[in-house]
C-alpha cells in the first residue's frame, strides 16, 4: 500500500490535483500495482479525505513562530494549551510503537505538526497495516496528510521525511 501512496504523492502535486478514485485506480493498474495494493491505498486515501474534509486552515502567528492550525468549519475549535499533553491509549502505543511516537513528538516540537494535524496523522496511522507501524511508513503518512491539506513542509522537514537514515553520516 505504501508504494502506491508514494507514487500518488510523487505524481500529483496536491491532494486536490489527484483524480477521482476510479480514474486513479485505472492509472495505478496501468503502472503495474497489484489490485490488493490499489484497493488498500484507495480506501486509505478515502479515509484521509474524510479526515481532512471540511477543515479550514488558519494561520496562528505569535512573536516567535508561525504555525498552521486546523479548525473544523462547523464547530469552534479551541486551541491546545501550551502546557497540555497528548496521552496515547494502549492500543495507539502498541500500533504506533516507540519510534513513531517519538517522531510525532519531534515533529510537534519542531512546529511541523499542529495538534489538529497530529490527530489526523495518528488516525491515519491507526488505519495503516503493521504492528507496529514502521517509522518510514509513518513518514509517508505525515507527507500524505500535508499533501492532502495543501500544506507544504519546509525543505529541511521535507528532507527528514523523504530521506532514509541509511547511509547518513552523523556530524
Protein backbone atom coordinates (compact mmCIF):
# COMPACT_ATOMS: atom_id res chain seq x y z
CA UNK A 1 0.00 0.00 0.00
CA UNK A 2 2.75 2.47 0.88
CA UNK A 3 4.39 2.13 -2.54
CA UNK A 4 1.08 3.24 -4.07
CA UNK A 5 0.87 6.22 -1.68
CA UNK A 6 4.42 7.27 -2.59
CA UNK A 7 3.53 7.04 -6.29
CA UNK A 8 0.45 9.22 -5.73
CA UNK A 9 2.47 11.74 -3.72
CA UNK A 10 5.18 11.96 -6.35
CA UNK A 11 2.80 12.26 -9.32
CA UNK A 12 0.10 14.62 -8.03
CA UNK A 13 1.47 17.79 -6.51
CA UNK A 14 -1.53 18.31 -4.18
CA UNK A 15 -4.46 16.32 -2.93
CA UNK A 16 -6.91 18.39 -4.95
CA UNK A 17 -4.92 17.60 -8.14
CA UNK A 18 -5.42 13.87 -7.67
CA UNK A 19 -8.00 12.25 -9.98
CA UNK A 20 -11.18 10.60 -8.73
CA UNK A 21 -10.67 7.13 -7.18
CA UNK A 22 -11.92 5.19 -10.23
CA UNK A 23 -9.61 7.02 -12.62
CA UNK A 24 -6.72 6.85 -10.14
CA UNK A 25 -7.29 3.11 -9.79
CA UNK A 26 -7.01 2.68 -13.56
CA UNK A 27 -3.80 4.72 -13.66
CA UNK A 28 -2.31 2.70 -10.82
CA UNK A 29 -3.25 -0.55 -12.56
CA UNK A 30 -1.60 0.72 -15.75
CA UNK A 31 1.59 1.37 -13.75
CA UNK A 32 1.66 -2.23 -12.59
CA UNK A 33 0.47 -2.07 -8.99
CA UNK A 34 -1.32 -5.11 -7.60
CA UNK A 35 -5.13 -4.89 -7.22
CA UNK A 36 -4.95 -5.53 -3.45
CA UNK A 37 -2.40 -2.74 -3.01
CA UNK A 38 -4.52 -0.37 -5.05
CA UNK A 39 -7.70 -1.23 -3.13
CA UNK A 40 -5.99 -0.75 0.24
CA UNK A 41 -4.41 2.54 -0.83
CA UNK A 42 -7.66 3.91 -2.27
CA UNK A 43 -9.51 3.01 0.94
CA UNK A 44 -6.79 4.66 2.99
CA UNK A 45 -6.89 7.78 0.77
CA UNK A 46 -10.68 7.87 1.11
CA UNK A 47 -10.25 7.87 4.89
CA UNK A 48 -7.72 10.69 4.55
CA UNK A 49 -10.19 12.69 2.50
CA UNK A 50 -12.88 12.17 5.13
CA UNK A 51 -10.45 13.13 7.92
CA UNK A 52 -9.45 16.38 6.21
CA UNK A 53 -12.83 17.22 4.69
CA UNK A 54 -14.30 20.48 5.92
CA UNK A 55 -11.05 21.59 7.50
CA UNK A 56 -10.23 25.22 7.18
CA UNK A 57 -6.60 26.16 7.52
CA UNK A 58 -5.93 29.08 9.81
CA UNK A 59 -2.62 30.73 10.50
CA UNK A 60 -1.71 31.50 14.11
CA UNK A 61 1.19 33.89 14.41
CA UNK A 62 2.89 34.73 17.67
CA UNK A 63 6.10 36.59 18.37
CA UNK A 64 8.43 33.65 17.80
CA UNK A 65 6.85 31.29 15.27
CA UNK A 66 4.14 31.00 12.70
CA UNK A 67 2.25 27.74 12.96
CA UNK A 68 -0.57 26.37 10.90
CA UNK A 69 -3.61 25.20 12.81
CA UNK A 70 -6.73 23.40 11.74
CA UNK A 71 -10.26 24.40 12.52
CA UNK A 72 -13.37 22.47 11.60
CA UNK A 73 -15.83 24.60 9.67
CA UNK A 74 -18.90 23.51 11.63
CA UNK A 75 -17.75 23.99 15.19
CA UNK A 76 -15.47 26.23 17.16
CA UNK A 77 -12.16 24.55 17.88
CA UNK A 78 -10.26 25.63 20.95
CA UNK A 79 -6.51 25.86 20.54
CA UNK A 80 -4.45 23.41 22.55
CA UNK A 81 -2.98 24.99 25.67
CA UNK A 82 0.80 25.30 25.65
CA UNK A 83 1.13 23.09 28.74
CA UNK A 84 -1.29 20.39 27.57
CA UNK A 85 -0.12 16.89 26.77
CA UNK A 86 -1.45 14.20 24.38
CA UNK A 87 -1.89 10.88 26.15
CA UNK A 88 -1.89 7.90 23.81
CA UNK A 89 -4.12 4.92 24.51
CA UNK A 90 -2.58 1.48 24.98
CA UNK A 91 -3.88 0.49 21.53
CA UNK A 92 -2.25 3.56 19.94
CA UNK A 93 1.01 2.88 21.77
CA UNK A 94 1.05 -0.73 20.59
CA UNK A 95 0.17 0.08 16.98
CA UNK A 96 2.45 3.10 16.61
CA UNK A 97 5.39 1.89 18.65
CA UNK A 98 8.03 3.94 20.44
CA UNK A 99 9.85 5.10 17.27
CA UNK A 100 6.71 6.55 15.69
CA UNK A 101 5.51 8.17 18.91
CA UNK A 102 8.93 9.75 19.38
CA UNK A 103 8.93 11.01 15.80
CA UNK A 104 5.45 12.51 16.20
CA UNK A 105 6.67 14.28 19.34
CA UNK A 106 9.73 15.55 17.44
CA UNK A 107 7.51 16.93 14.64
CA UNK A 108 5.28 18.68 17.16
CA UNK A 109 8.27 20.21 18.93
CA UNK A 110 9.61 21.40 15.57
CA UNK A 111 6.21 23.03 14.83
CA UNK A 112 5.70 20.77 11.81
CA UNK A 113 2.57 19.17 13.25
CA UNK A 114 -0.09 21.24 14.92
CA UNK A 115 -2.35 19.40 17.36
CA UNK A 116 -5.02 19.10 14.63
CA UNK A 117 -2.60 17.67 12.09
CA UNK A 118 -1.18 15.35 14.73
CA UNK A 119 -4.62 13.88 15.34
CA UNK A 120 -5.11 13.26 11.63
CA UNK A 121 -1.67 11.62 11.41
CA UNK A 122 -2.46 9.39 14.39
CA UNK A 123 -5.87 8.45 13.00
CA UNK A 124 -4.45 7.57 9.58
CA UNK A 125 -1.54 5.67 11.17
CA UNK A 126 -4.05 3.64 13.18
CA UNK A 127 -5.76 2.77 9.87
CA UNK A 128 -2.47 1.59 8.37
CA UNK A 129 -1.32 -2.04 8.40
CA UNK A 130 1.59 -3.17 10.52
CA UNK A 131 2.00 -3.74 14.20
CA UNK A 132 3.81 -1.56 14.98
CA UNK A 133 3.81 0.84 12.07
CA UNK A 134 7.33 1.31 10.68
CA UNK A 135 8.90 4.74 11.05
CA UNK A 136 9.40 5.06 7.28
CA UNK A 137 5.69 4.33 6.80
CA UNK A 138 4.75 6.98 9.38
CA UNK A 139 6.86 9.49 7.43
CA UNK A 140 4.82 8.66 4.33
CA UNK A 141 1.63 9.17 6.34
CA UNK A 142 2.85 12.58 7.52
CA UNK A 143 3.69 13.54 3.92
CA UNK A 144 0.26 12.39 2.74
CA UNK A 145 -1.52 14.40 5.46
CA UNK A 146 0.41 17.52 4.45
CA UNK A 147 -0.28 16.72 0.77
CA UNK A 148 -3.99 16.31 1.41
CA UNK A 149 -4.33 19.58 3.33
CA UNK A 150 -2.21 21.54 0.85
CA UNK A 151 0.43 22.39 3.46
CA UNK A 152 3.95 22.16 2.08
CA UNK A 153 6.57 21.40 4.71
CA UNK A 154 9.75 23.45 4.56
CA UNK A 155 12.79 21.98 2.80
CA UNK A 156 14.56 20.66 5.91
CA UNK A 157 11.42 18.90 7.14
CA UNK A 158 10.77 17.51 3.69
CA UNK A 159 14.33 16.18 3.65
CA UNK A 160 13.78 14.49 7.03
CA UNK A 161 10.51 12.93 5.83
CA UNK A 162 11.81 11.77 2.46
CA UNK A 163 15.36 10.69 3.24
CA UNK A 164 16.02 7.36 4.91
CA UNK A 165 18.54 7.04 7.70
CA UNK A 166 20.65 4.50 5.82
CA UNK A 167 23.91 5.95 4.65
CA UNK A 168 23.66 9.08 6.81
CA UNK A 169 26.82 10.24 8.49
CA UNK A 170 26.48 11.87 11.91
CA UNK A 171 28.13 15.27 12.07
